[in-house]
Amino acid sequence: MAFGINLLSQHKLLNDEEAEKIAKKYKTSTDKFPRILKDDPQALKLNAKPGQLIEIERRDPTGRYTYYRYVISS
């Protein structure tokens, strides 16, 4: 860590209930989120399957940011 900043983003595989809650929050469907390939190293690490949603948390000196990615096969 440099200057107390975690340079690695935290990835979490959301269950169906969590994914629906996020989709409802943003008034969209899960497949409308930006995509990530199932072969992406982080998706492989989480054993993510197409159709699932991954939450990515990034932190920097200005704050904490949460992103979501929809897993696709190709």
PDB file of N, CA and C in Angstrom:
ATOM      1  N   MET A   1       0.831  -1.184   0.000  1.00  0.00           N
ATOM      2  CA  MET A   1       0.000   0.000   0.000  1.00  0.00           C
ATOM      3  C   MET A   1       0.873   1.243   0.000  1.00  0.00           C
ATOM      4  N   ALA A   2       0.510   2.168  -0.861  1.00  0.00           N
ATOM      5  CA  ALA A   2       1.221   3.429  -0.927  1.00  0.00           C
ATOM      6  C   ALA A   2       0.366   4.523  -0.306  1.00  0.00           C
ATOM      7  N   PHE A   3       0.909   5.219   0.673  1.00  0.00           N
ATOM      8  CA  PHE A   3       0.202   6.323   1.315  1.00  0.00           C
ATOM      9  C   PHE A   3      -1.145   5.896   1.891  1.00  0.00           C
ATOM     10  N   GLY A   4      -1.259   4.668   2.342  1.00  0.00           N
ATOM     11  CA  GLY A   4      -2.492   4.203   2.962  1.00  0.00           C
ATOM     12  C   GLY A   4      -3.618   3.929   1.982  1.00  0.00           C
ATOM     13  N   ILE A   5      -3.315   3.838   0.690  1.00  0.00           N
ATOM     14  CA  ILE A   5      -4.342   3.589  -0.324  1.00  0.00           C
ATOM     15  C   ILE A   5      -4.263   2.128  -0.753  1.00  0.00           C
ATOM     16  N   ASN A   6      -5.382   1.442  -0.735  1.00  0.00           N
ATOM     17  CA  ASN A   6      -5.436   0.070  -1.216  1.00  0.00           C
ATOM     18  C   ASN A   6      -5.584   0.124  -2.732  1.00  0.00           C
ATOM     19  N   LEU A   7      -4.566  -0.318  -3.455  1.00  0.00           N
ATOM     20  CA  LEU A   7      -4.574  -0.232  -4.909  1.00  0.00           C
ATOM     21  C   LEU A   7      -5.389  -1.336  -5.567  1.00  0.00           C
ATOM     22  N   LEU A   8      -5.776  -2.337  -4.804  1.00  0.00           N
ATOM     23  CA  LEU A   8      -6.557  -3.430  -5.372  1.00  0.00           C
ATOM     24  C   LEU A   8      -8.039  -3.203  -5.130  1.00  0.00           C
ATOM     25  N   SER A   9      -8.811  -3.356  -6.181  1.00  0.00           N
ATOM     26  CA  SER A   9     -10.263  -3.244  -6.059  1.00  0.00           C
ATOM     27  C   SER A   9     -10.808  -4.510  -5.426  1.00  0.00           C
ATOM     28  N   GLN A  10     -11.834  -4.351  -4.615  1.00  0.00           N
ATOM     29  CA  GLN A  10     -12.486  -5.496  -3.984  1.00  0.00           C
ATOM     30  C   GLN A  10     -13.631  -5.955  -4.881  1.00  0.00           C
ATOM     31  N   HIS A  11     -13.658  -7.235  -5.207  1.00  0.00           N
ATOM     32  CA  HIS A  11     -14.705  -7.809  -6.046  1.00  0.00           C
ATOM     33  C   HIS A  11     -15.550  -8.764  -5.204  1.00  0.00           C
ATOM     34  N   LYS A  12     -16.859  -8.687  -5.406  1.00  0.00           N
ATOM     35  CA  LYS A  12     -17.779  -9.561  -4.670  1.00  0.00           C
ATOM     36  C   LYS A  12     -18.856 -10.050  -5.639  1.00  0.00           C
ATOM     37  N   LEU A  13     -19.089 -11.334  -5.630  1.00  0.00           N
ATOM     38  CA  LEU A  13     -20.162 -11.915  -6.434  1.00  0.00           C
ATOM     39  C   LEU A  13     -21.468 -11.766  -5.663  1.00  0.00           C
ATOM     40  N   LEU A  14     -22.452 -11.121  -6.287  1.00  0.00           N
ATOM     41  CA  LEU A  14     -23.731 -10.907  -5.623  1.00  0.00           C
ATOM     42  C   LEU A  14     -24.659 -12.095  -5.836  1.00  0.00           C
ATOM     43  N   ASN A  15     -25.441 -12.422  -4.810  1.00  0.00           N
ATOM     44  CA  ASN A  15     -26.441 -13.479  -5.004  1.00  0.00           C
ATOM     45  C   ASN A  15     -27.634 -12.869  -5.743  1.00  0.00           C
ATOM     46  N   ASP A  16     -28.587 -13.699  -6.130  1.00  0.00           N
ATOM     47  CA  ASP A  16     -29.722 -13.233  -6.936  1.00  0.00           C
ATOM     48  C   ASP A  16     -30.508 -12.125  -6.241  1.00  0.00           C
ATOM     49  N   GLU A  17     -30.705 -12.268  -4.945  1.00  0.00           N
ATOM     50  CA  GLU A  17     -31.472 -11.272  -4.193  1.00  0.00           C
ATOM     51  C   GLU A  17     -30.747  -9.926  -4.169  1.00  0.00           C
ATOM     52  N   GLU A  18     -29.435  -9.960  -3.928  1.00  0.00           N
ATOM     53  CA  GLU A  18     -28.646  -8.731  -3.915  1.00  0.00           C
ATOM     54  C   GLU A  18     -28.633  -8.071  -5.288  1.00  0.00           C
ATOM     55  N   ALA A  19     -28.491  -8.877  -6.342  1.00  0.00           N
ATOM     56  CA  ALA A  19     -28.468  -8.349  -7.706  1.00  0.00           C
ATOM     57  C   ALA A  19     -29.792  -7.675  -8.063  1.00  0.00           C
ATOM     58  N   GLU A  20     -30.895  -8.290  -7.678  1.00  0.00           N
ATOM     59  CA  GLU A  20     -32.209  -7.691  -7.945  1.00  0.00           C
ATOM     60  C   GLU A  20     -32.387  -6.386  -7.184  1.00  0.00           C
ATOM     61  N   LYS A  21     -31.889  -6.333  -5.972  1.00  0.00           N
ATOM     62  CA  LYS A  21     -31.978  -5.117  -5.171  1.00  0.00           C
ATOM     63  C   LYS A  21     -31.212  -3.971  -5.850  1.00  0.00           C
ATOM     64  N   ILE A  22     -30.030  -4.267  -6.363  1.00  0.00           N
ATOM     65  CA  ILE A  22     -29.223  -3.264  -7.055  1.00  0.00           C
ATOM     66  C   ILE A  22     -29.916  -2.829  -8.345  1.00  0.00           C
ATOM     67  N   ALA A  23     -30.441  -3.773  -9.104  1.00  0.00           N
ATOM     68  CA  ALA A  23     -31.146  -3.445 -10.339  1.00  0.00           C
ATOM     69  C   ALA A  23     -32.347  -2.549 -10.052  1.00  0.00           C
ATOM     70  N   LYS A  24     -33.056  -2.856  -8.993  1.00  0.00           N
ATOM     71  CA  LYS A  24     -34.223  -2.048  -8.605  1.00  0.00           C
ATOM     72  C   LYS A  24     -33.780  -0.644  -8.190  1.00  0.00           C
ATOM     73  N   LYS A  25     -32.669  -0.564  -7.457  1.00  0.00           N
ATOM     74  CA  LYS A  25     -32.147   0.731  -7.011  1.00  0.00           C
ATOM     75  C   LYS A  25     -31.853   1.642  -8.204  1.00  0.00           C
ATOM     76  N   TYR A  26     -31.287   1.062  -9.267  1.00  0.00           N
ATOM     77  CA  TYR A  26     -30.924   1.836 -10.446  1.00  0.00           C
ATOM     78  C   TYR A  26     -32.004   1.811 -11.534  1.00  0.00           C
ATOM     79  N   LYS A  27     -33.149   1.206 -11.213  1.00  0.00           N
ATOM     80  CA  LYS A  27     -34.299   1.156 -12.120  1.00  0.00           C
ATOM     81  C   LYS A  27     -33.926   0.613 -13.501  1.00  0.00           C
ATOM     82  N   THR A  28     -33.284  -0.558 -13.476  1.00  0.00           N
ATOM     83  CA  THR A  28     -32.876  -1.227 -14.707  1.00  0.00           C
ATOM     84  C   THR A  28     -32.847  -2.726 -14.456  1.00  0.00           C
ATOM     85  N   SER A  29     -32.460  -3.491 -15.461  1.00  0.00           N
ATOM     86  CA  SER A  29     -32.287  -4.932 -15.282  1.00  0.00           C
ATOM     87  C   SER A  29     -30.791  -5.229 -15.185  1.00  0.00           C
ATOM     88  N   THR A  30     -30.447  -6.343 -14.586  1.00  0.00           N
ATOM     89  CA  THR A  30     -29.034  -6.651 -14.350  1.00  0.00           C
ATOM     90  C   THR A  30     -28.233  -6.736 -15.648  1.00  0.00           C
ATOM     91  N   ASP A  31     -28.864  -7.158 -16.735  1.00  0.00           N
ATOM     92  CA  ASP A  31     -28.121  -7.293 -17.992  1.00  0.00           C
ATOM     93  C   ASP A  31     -27.809  -5.959 -18.666  1.00  0.00           C
ATOM     94  N   LYS A  32     -28.272  -4.864 -18.102  1.00  0.00           N
ATOM     95  CA  LYS A  32     -27.989  -3.529 -18.642  1.00  0.00           C
ATOM     96  C   LYS A  32     -26.725  -2.911 -18.039  1.00  0.00           C
ATOM     97  N   PHE A  33     -26.147  -3.560 -17.025  1.00  0.00           N
ATOM     98  CA  PHE A  33     -24.917  -3.059 -16.438  1.00  0.00           C
ATOM     99  C   PHE A  33     -23.746  -3.331 -17.379  1.00  0.00           C
ATOM    100  N   PRO A  34     -22.649  -2.580 -17.226  1.00  0.00           N
ATOM    101  CA  PRO A  34     -21.454  -2.883 -18.036  1.00  0.00           C
ATOM    102  C   PRO A  34     -21.073  -4.346 -17.856  1.00  0.00           C
ATOM    103  N   ARG A  35     -20.440  -4.899 -18.849  1.00  0.00           N
ATOM    104  CA  ARG A  35     -20.174  -6.343 -18.862  1.00  0.00           C
ATOM    105  C   ARG A  35     -18.749  -6.690 -18.462  1.00  0.00           C
ATOM    106  N   ILE A  36     -18.615  -7.924 -18.010  1.00  0.00           N
ATOM    107  CA  ILE A  36     -17.315  -8.508 -17.713  1.00  0.00           C
ATOM    108  C   ILE A  36     -17.361  -9.948 -18.231  1.00  0.00           C
ATOM    109  N   LEU A  37     -16.298 -10.375 -18.866  1.00  0.00           N
ATOM    110  CA  LEU A  37     -16.256 -11.743 -19.384  1.00  0.00           C
ATOM    111  C   LEU A  37     -16.086 -12.754 -18.261  1.00  0.00           C
ATOM    112  N   LYS A  38     -16.699 -13.908 -18.421  1.00  0.00           N
ATOM    113  CA  LYS A  38     -16.566 -14.958 -17.401  1.00  0.00           C
ATOM    114  C   LYS A  38     -15.128 -15.432 -17.291  1.00  0.00           C
ATOM    115  N   ASP A  39     -14.305 -15.163 -18.334  1.00  0.00           N
ATOM    116  CA  ASP A  39     -12.899 -15.556 -18.335  1.00  0.00           C
ATOM    117  C   ASP A  39     -11.976 -14.480 -17.768  1.00  0.00           C
ATOM    118  N   ASP A  40     -12.536 -13.357 -17.342  1.00  0.00           N
ATOM    119  CA  ASP A  40     -11.743 -12.315 -16.701  1.00  0.00           C
ATOM    120  C   ASP A  40     -11.132 -12.905 -15.422  1.00  0.00           C
ATOM    121  N   PRO A  41      -9.880 -12.562 -15.109  1.00  0.00           N
ATOM    122  CA  PRO A  41      -9.240 -13.143 -13.922  1.00  0.00           C
ATOM    123  C   PRO A  41     -10.046 -12.988 -12.636  1.00  0.00           C
ATOM    124  N   GLN A  42     -10.663 -11.835 -12.426  1.00  0.00           N
ATOM    125  CA  GLN A  42     -11.454 -11.651 -11.203  1.00  0.00           C
ATOM    126  C   GLN A  42     -12.733 -12.486 -11.235  1.00  0.00           C
ATOM    127  N   ALA A  43     -13.369 -12.598 -12.391  1.00  0.00           N
ATOM    128  CA  ALA A  43     -14.577 -13.424 -12.514  1.00  0.00           C
ATOM    129  C   ALA A  43     -14.222 -14.897 -12.282  1.00  0.00           C
ATOM    130  N   LEU A  44     -13.079 -15.328 -12.807  1.00  0.00           N
ATOM    131  CA  LEU A  44     -12.635 -16.709 -12.579  1.00  0.00           C
ATOM    132  C   LEU A  44     -12.374 -16.953 -11.093  1.00  0.00           C
ATOM    133  N   LYS A  45     -11.745 -15.984 -10.444  1.00  0.00           N
ATOM    134  CA  LYS A  45     -11.442 -16.108  -9.008  1.00  0.00           C
ATOM    135  C   LYS A  45     -12.726 -16.272  -8.192  1.00  0.00           C
ATOM    136  N   LEU A  46     -13.802 -15.598  -8.624  1.00  0.00           N
ATOM    137  CA  LEU A  46     -15.084 -15.667  -7.920  1.00  0.00           C
ATOM    138  C   LEU A  46     -15.954 -16.831  -8.389  1.00  0.00           C
ATOM    139  N   ASN A  47     -15.486 -17.548  -9.428  1.00  0.00           N
ATOM    140  CA  ASN A  47     -16.260 -18.629 -10.039  1.00  0.00           C
ATOM    141  C   ASN A  47     -17.621 -18.100 -10.546  1.00  0.00           C
ATOM    142  N   ALA A  48     -17.577 -16.896 -11.137  1.00  0.00           N
ATOM    143  CA  ALA A  48     -18.791 -16.243 -11.626  1.00  0.00           C
ATOM    144  C   ALA A  48     -19.297 -16.917 -12.903  1.00  0.00           C
ATOM    145  N   LYS A  49     -20.592 -17.000 -13.006  1.00  0.00           N
ATOM    146  CA  LYS A  49     -21.258 -17.610 -14.163  1.00  0.00           C
ATOM    147  C   LYS A  49     -22.000 -16.526 -14.945  1.00  0.00           C
ATOM    148  N   PRO A  50     -22.161 -16.726 -16.258  1.00  0.00           N
ATOM    149  CA  PRO A  50     -22.926 -15.755 -17.046  1.00  0.00           C
ATOM    150  C   PRO A  50     -24.302 -15.507 -16.422  1.00  0.00           C
ATOM    151  N   GLY A  51     -24.687 -14.223 -16.389  1.00  0.00           N
ATOM    152  CA  GLY A  51     -25.960 -13.845 -15.806  1.00  0.00           C
ATOM    153  C   GLY A  51     -25.853 -13.327 -14.387  1.00  0.00           C
ATOM    154  N   GLN A  52     -24.679 -13.482 -13.762  1.00  0.00           N
ATOM    155  CA  GLN A  52     -24.503 -13.000 -12.393  1.00  0.00           C
ATOM    156  C   GLN A  52     -23.952 -11.577 -12.403  1.00  0.00           C
ATOM    157  N   LEU A  53     -24.046 -10.919 -11.265  1.00  0.00           N
ATOM    158  CA  LEU A  53     -23.576  -9.545 -11.120  1.00  0.00           C
ATOM    159  C   LEU A  53     -22.427  -9.503 -10.115  1.00  0.00           C
ATOM    160  N   ILE A  54     -21.380  -8.788 -10.480  1.00  0.00           N
ATOM    161  CA  ILE A  54     -20.214  -8.613  -9.620  1.00  0.00           C
ATOM    162  C   ILE A  54     -20.173  -7.163  -9.149  1.00  0.00           C
ATOM    163  N   GLU A  55     -19.968  -6.983  -7.854  1.00  0.00           N
ATOM    164  CA  GLU A  55     -19.807  -5.652  -7.272  1.00  0.00           C
ATOM    165  C   GLU A  55     -18.319  -5.378  -7.125  1.00  0.00           C
ATOM    166  N   ILE A  56     -17.877  -4.224  -7.586  1.00  0.00           N
ATOM    167  CA  ILE A  56     -16.467  -3.841  -7.506  1.00  0.00           C
ATOM    168  C   ILE A  56     -16.376  -2.567  -6.690  1.00  0.00           C
ATOM    169  N   GLU A  57     -15.600  -2.613  -5.629  1.00  0.00           N
ATOM    170  CA  GLU A  57     -15.419  -1.442  -4.769  1.00  0.00           C
ATOM    171  C   GLU A  57     -14.003  -0.922  -4.933  1.00  0.00           C
ATOM    172  N   ARG A  58     -13.909   0.353  -5.260  1.00  0.00           N
ATOM    173  CA  ARG A  58     -12.612   1.013  -5.382  1.00  0.00           C
ATOM    174  C   ARG A  58     -12.557   2.147  -4.374  1.00  0.00           C
ATOM    175  N   ARG A  59     -11.383   2.320  -3.786  1.00  0.00           N
ATOM    176  CA  ARG A  59     -11.181   3.411  -2.828  1.00  0.00           C
ATOM    177  C   ARG A  59      -9.966   4.224  -3.256  1.00  0.00           C
ATOM    178  N   ASP A  60     -10.088   5.512  -3.081  1.00  0.00           N
ATOM    179  CA  ASP A  60      -8.955   6.400  -3.298  1.00  0.00           C
ATOM    180  C   ASP A  60      -9.061   7.535  -2.277  1.00  0.00           C
ATOM    181  N   PRO A  61      -8.130   8.457  -2.295  1.00  0.00           N
ATOM    182  CA  PRO A  61      -8.164   9.519  -1.280  1.00  0.00           C
ATOM    183  C   PRO A  61      -9.457  10.344  -1.285  1.00  0.00           C
ATOM    184  N   THR A  62     -10.185  10.359  -2.379  1.00  0.00           N
ATOM    185  CA  THR A  62     -11.402  11.171  -2.443  1.00  0.00           C
ATOM    186  C   THR A  62     -12.656  10.422  -2.032  1.00  0.00           C
ATOM    187  N   GLY A  63     -12.569   9.111  -1.863  1.00  0.00           N
ATOM    188  CA  GLY A  63     -13.743   8.381  -1.432  1.00  0.00           C
ATOM    189  C   GLY A  63     -13.778   6.930  -1.870  1.00  0.00           C
ATOM    190  N   ARG A  64     -14.957   6.356  -1.707  1.00  0.00           N
ATOM    191  CA  ARG A  64     -15.204   4.953  -2.056  1.00  0.00           C
ATOM    192  C   ARG A  64     -16.203   4.930  -3.204  1.00  0.00           C
ATOM    193  N   TYR A  65     -15.922   4.130  -4.206  1.00  0.00           N
ATOM    194  CA  TYR A  65     -16.762   4.057  -5.389  1.00  0.00           C
ATOM    195  C   TYR A  65     -17.154   2.610  -5.654  1.00  0.00           C
ATOM    196  N   THR A  66     -18.420   2.391  -5.964  1.00  0.00           N
ATOM    197  CA  THR A  66     -18.922   1.052  -6.221  1.00  0.00           C
ATOM    198  C   THR A  66     -19.390   0.962  -7.657  1.00  0.00           C
ATOM    199  N   TYR A  67     -18.941  -0.081  -8.340  1.00  0.00           N
ATOM    200  CA  TYR A  67     -19.301  -0.352  -9.726  1.00  0.00           C
ATOM    201  C   TYR A  67     -19.902  -1.749  -9.789  1.00  0.00           C
ATOM    202  N   TYR A  68     -20.639  -2.009 -10.834  1.00  0.00           N
ATOM    203  CA  TYR A  68     -21.233  -3.326 -11.032  1.00  0.00           C
ATOM    204  C   TYR A  68     -20.938  -3.802 -12.438  1.00  0.00           C
ATOM    205  N   ARG A  69     -20.723  -5.105 -12.575  1.00  0.00           N
ATOM    206  CA  ARG A  69     -20.464  -5.702 -13.881  1.00  0.00           C
ATOM    207  C   ARG A  69     -21.325  -6.959 -14.026  1.00  0.00           C
ATOM    208  N   TYR A  70     -21.909  -7.103 -15.196  1.00  0.00           N
ATOM    209  CA  TYR A  70     -22.753  -8.243 -15.549  1.00  0.00           C
ATOM    210  C   TYR A  70     -21.872  -9.265 -16.256  1.00  0.00           C
ATOM    211  N   VAL A  71     -21.874 -10.488 -15.786  1.00  0.00           N
ATOM    212  CA  VAL A  71     -21.012 -11.539 -16.339  1.00  0.00           C
ATOM    213  C   VAL A  71     -21.625 -12.114 -17.622  1.00  0.00           C
ATOM    214  N   ILE A  72     -20.781 -12.148 -18.671  1.00  0.00           N
ATOM    215  CA  ILE A  72     -21.200 -12.732 -19.958  1.00  0.00           C
ATOM    216  C   ILE A  72     -20.205 -13.805 -20.371  1.00  0.00           C
ATOM    217  N   SER A  73     -20.622 -14.655 -21.309  1.00  0.00           N
ATOM    218  CA  SER A  73     -19.733 -15.747 -21.729  1.00  0.00           C
ATOM    219  C   SER A  73     -18.726 -15.313 -22.776  1.00  0.00           C
ATOM    220  N   SER A  74     -19.084 -14.415 -23.669  1.00  0.00           N
ATOM    221  CA  SER A  74     -18.123 -13.927 -24.659  1.00  0.00           C
ATOM    222  C   SER A  74     -18.568 -12.645 -25.295  1.00  0.00           C
TER     223      SER A  74
END
